[in-house]
Amino acid sequence: MAWSRACSVLELEDDKPFSAEVGDELVALVRHEGELFAIRDECSHGRVMLSLGEVDERTIECFAHGSRFDLRTGEPLELPATRPVPVYPVNVEGDDVLVDLDNPLNSI
């Protein structure tokens, strides 16, 4: 696994998406009910940052189109999106939040 630093754990607030540049990829990081999630910060329906949307019940909403994505699987739960978004493993070392872009948790 190739872990890369995304941000400090201190930068994350519960249920407030945080956009981080990891390598060449924008990733939305979400802390929800004690769990950390990393999902590509782009709606699969359009080029809109998911980090601008709301988090509810382990989902993130695209504020522009209304599609919701499961933070665990990246699967779209509401139209108009029909394709999943990559989700990535997350690890915390000290105060650093690390993401592994090389090994997505879902197959896209």
Protein backbone atom coordinates (compact mmCIF):
# COMPACT_ATOMS: atom_id res chain seq x y z
CA MET A 1 0.00 0.00 0.00
CA ALA A 2 1.13 3.51 -0.77
CA TRP A 3 -0.14 5.74 2.00
CA SER A 4 -0.09 9.50 1.39
CA ARG A 5 -0.81 12.26 3.88
CA ALA A 6 -4.12 13.99 3.21
CA CYS A 7 -4.46 16.33 6.18
CA SER A 8 -4.23 16.63 9.93
CA VAL A 9 -6.92 14.90 11.95
CA LEU A 10 -7.41 18.28 13.66
CA GLU A 11 -8.71 19.73 10.37
CA LEU A 12 -11.69 17.36 10.30
CA GLU A 13 -15.05 18.19 11.86
CA ASP A 14 -17.85 15.66 12.34
CA ASP A 15 -20.13 15.42 9.29
CA LYS A 16 -18.37 18.28 7.49
CA PRO A 17 -16.59 17.12 4.31
CA PHE A 18 -13.00 18.28 3.91
CA SER A 19 -11.35 18.47 0.48
CA ALA A 20 -7.69 17.48 0.30
CA GLU A 21 -5.28 17.15 -2.58
CA VAL A 22 -3.58 13.77 -2.39
CA GLY A 23 -1.08 13.35 -5.20
CA ASP A 24 -2.98 14.39 -8.33
CA GLU A 25 -6.39 13.54 -6.86
CA LEU A 26 -8.90 15.59 -4.89
CA VAL A 27 -10.33 13.50 -2.07
CA ALA A 28 -13.27 14.32 0.19
CA LEU A 29 -12.57 13.21 3.76
CA VAL A 30 -15.48 12.73 6.12
CA ARG A 31 -15.56 11.93 9.83
CA HIS A 32 -18.96 10.45 10.67
CA GLU A 33 -19.87 8.73 13.96
CA GLY A 34 -16.22 8.06 14.79
CA GLU A 35 -15.36 6.60 11.35
CA LEU A 36 -13.20 8.19 8.67
CA PHE A 37 -14.06 7.92 4.99
CA ALA A 38 -12.21 9.00 1.84
CA ILE A 39 -14.06 9.34 -1.47
CA ARG A 40 -13.03 10.96 -4.75
CA ASP A 41 -14.12 14.57 -4.50
CA GLU A 42 -16.09 14.55 -7.73
CA CYS A 43 -19.66 13.51 -8.51
CA SER A 44 -19.76 10.79 -11.16
CA HIS A 45 -22.68 12.58 -12.85
CA GLY A 46 -20.91 15.92 -13.30
CA ARG A 47 -17.74 17.71 -12.39
CA VAL A 48 -18.97 18.93 -9.01
CA MET A 49 -17.01 18.62 -5.75
CA LEU A 50 -18.75 16.25 -3.34
CA SER A 51 -17.05 18.03 -0.43
CA LEU A 52 -19.47 20.92 -0.99
CA GLY A 53 -22.42 18.65 -0.17
CA GLU A 54 -24.01 17.43 3.04
CA VAL A 55 -23.31 14.25 4.99
CA ASP A 56 -26.12 12.15 6.44
CA GLU A 57 -26.23 8.50 7.56
CA ARG A 58 -22.92 7.46 5.90
CA THR A 59 -23.81 9.20 2.64
CA ILE A 60 -22.62 12.36 0.92
CA GLU A 61 -24.84 14.42 -1.37
CA CYS A 62 -23.90 16.25 -4.54
CA PHE A 63 -25.22 19.73 -3.84
CA ALA A 64 -25.73 20.49 -7.56
CA HIS A 65 -27.59 17.38 -8.67
CA GLY A 66 -28.96 15.80 -5.49
CA SER A 67 -27.31 12.41 -6.02
CA ARG A 68 -26.25 10.67 -2.82
CA PHE A 69 -23.27 8.33 -2.56
CA ASP A 70 -22.55 5.68 0.07
CA LEU A 71 -19.31 6.69 1.82
CA ARG A 72 -18.39 3.03 2.35
CA THR A 73 -18.89 1.77 -1.21
CA GLY A 74 -19.08 4.85 -3.44
CA GLU A 75 -22.33 3.53 -4.91
CA PRO A 76 -24.89 6.11 -6.04
CA LEU A 77 -28.10 5.86 -4.05
CA GLU A 78 -30.13 8.50 -5.92
CA LEU A 79 -30.35 9.66 -9.52
CA PRO A 80 -29.15 11.30 -11.66
CA ALA A 81 -25.79 9.61 -10.86
CA THR A 82 -25.61 5.99 -12.00
CA ARG A 83 -21.88 5.25 -11.64
CA PRO A 84 -19.98 4.76 -8.39
CA VAL A 85 -17.22 7.04 -7.14
CA PRO A 86 -13.91 5.55 -5.92
CA VAL A 87 -13.50 5.20 -2.16
CA TYR A 88 -10.12 4.72 -0.53
CA PRO A 89 -8.64 3.17 2.62
CA VAL A 90 -7.94 5.66 5.41
CA ASN A 91 -5.46 5.35 8.25
CA VAL A 92 -4.46 7.68 11.08
CA GLU A 93 -0.88 7.89 12.29
CA GLY A 94 -0.41 10.38 15.08
CA ASP A 95 -2.18 13.52 13.89
CA ASP A 96 -1.91 12.63 10.19
CA VAL A 97 -4.77 11.28 8.09
CA LEU A 98 -3.36 8.99 5.39
CA VAL A 99 -5.12 7.77 2.24
CA ASP A 100 -4.13 4.91 -0.10
CA LEU A 101 -5.08 5.94 -3.65
CA ASP A 102 -3.42 2.87 -5.16
CA ASN A 103 -5.88 0.41 -3.61
CA PRO A 104 -9.49 1.66 -3.87
CA LEU A 105 -12.00 -0.22 -1.75
CA ASN A 106 -14.35 -0.57 -4.73
CA SER A 107 -13.82 -1.52 -8.34
CA ILE A 108 -14.69 1.26 -10.77
